[in-house]
Amino acid sequence: MKIDCDKENDIIYIRFSGKKYDYSEEKEDILVDYDKKGKVVAIEIFEASKILKTPIEEITRFKGETVV
């Protein structure tokens, strides 16, 4: 898993796989990318500080790192 954060735009991007996504679905402030088999490849959370309980500042310490 890889986490990227954009503090300026309040977006968190969580990538679960190196596979390319085939299609995406959006619900409110969350975009989910799926591969051809329907498995989740990545999740993008807009207005993350409003949705997540953990402050974005704490999450950014993992920016660009692979998290297990």
Protein backbone atom coordinates (compact mmCIF):
# COMPACT_ATOMS: atom_id res chain seq x y z
CA MET A 1 0.00 0.00 0.00
CA LYS A 2 1.26 3.49 -0.82
CA ILE A 3 -0.18 6.70 0.59
CA ASP A 4 0.18 10.14 -0.98
CA CYS A 5 -1.22 13.30 0.54
CA ASP A 6 -1.90 16.71 -0.91
CA LYS A 7 -2.31 18.92 2.16
CA GLU A 8 -2.94 22.06 0.11
CA ASN A 9 -5.95 20.50 -1.64
CA ASP A 10 -6.90 18.24 1.31
CA ILE A 11 -6.67 15.01 -0.74
CA ILE A 12 -5.36 11.59 0.26
CA TYR A 13 -4.55 8.95 -2.35
CA ILE A 14 -4.19 5.34 -1.20
CA ARG A 15 -2.84 2.87 -3.74
CA PHE A 16 -3.29 -0.83 -2.97
CA SER A 17 -1.82 -2.28 -6.14
CA GLY A 18 0.54 -1.42 -8.97
CA LYS A 19 -2.10 -2.55 -11.47
CA LYS A 20 -3.68 -0.03 -13.80
CA TYR A 21 -7.27 0.86 -13.09
CA ASP A 22 -9.98 -0.01 -15.59
CA TYR A 23 -12.81 2.13 -14.25
CA SER A 24 -13.69 4.41 -11.34
CA GLU A 25 -16.75 5.07 -9.22
CA GLU A 26 -17.35 8.26 -7.28
CA LYS A 27 -19.56 8.65 -4.26
CA GLU A 28 -19.63 12.03 -2.58
CA ASP A 29 -15.98 12.89 -1.85
CA ILE A 30 -14.45 9.46 -2.49
CA LEU A 31 -13.24 8.06 -5.80
CA VAL A 32 -12.54 4.32 -6.03
CA ASP A 33 -10.46 2.86 -8.89
CA TYR A 34 -11.03 -0.78 -9.91
CA ASP A 35 -9.08 -3.18 -12.11
CA LYS A 36 -10.68 -5.28 -14.88
CA LYS A 37 -11.65 -7.97 -12.35
CA GLY A 38 -13.46 -5.47 -10.12
CA LYS A 39 -10.83 -5.39 -7.38
CA VAL A 40 -9.98 -2.07 -5.72
CA VAL A 41 -6.69 -0.65 -6.98
CA ALA A 42 -6.80 2.76 -5.30
CA ILE A 43 -8.95 5.18 -3.32
CA GLU A 44 -8.81 8.97 -3.55
CA ILE A 45 -10.39 10.93 -0.70
CA PHE A 46 -11.30 14.56 -1.32
CA GLU A 47 -11.81 16.90 1.65
CA ALA A 48 -9.99 14.25 3.66
CA SER A 49 -9.82 16.26 6.88
CA LYS A 50 -13.64 16.33 7.00
CA ILE A 51 -14.02 12.58 6.40
CA LEU A 52 -11.15 11.02 8.35
CA LYS A 53 -10.78 11.03 12.11
CA THR A 54 -6.98 11.08 11.83
CA PRO A 55 -5.64 14.57 11.02
CA ILE A 56 -4.09 14.88 7.56
CA GLU A 57 -0.88 16.14 9.19
CA GLU A 58 -0.44 12.77 10.89
CA ILE A 59 -1.21 10.86 7.71
CA THR A 60 1.30 12.91 5.69
CA ARG A 61 4.17 11.37 7.62
CA PHE A 62 3.58 8.29 5.40
CA LYS A 63 3.57 10.34 2.17
CA GLY A 64 5.20 8.43 -0.64
CA GLU A 65 6.01 5.47 1.59
CA THR A 66 4.87 1.92 1.26
CA VAL A 67 2.78 1.02 4.29
CA VAL A 68 2.04 -2.55 5.30
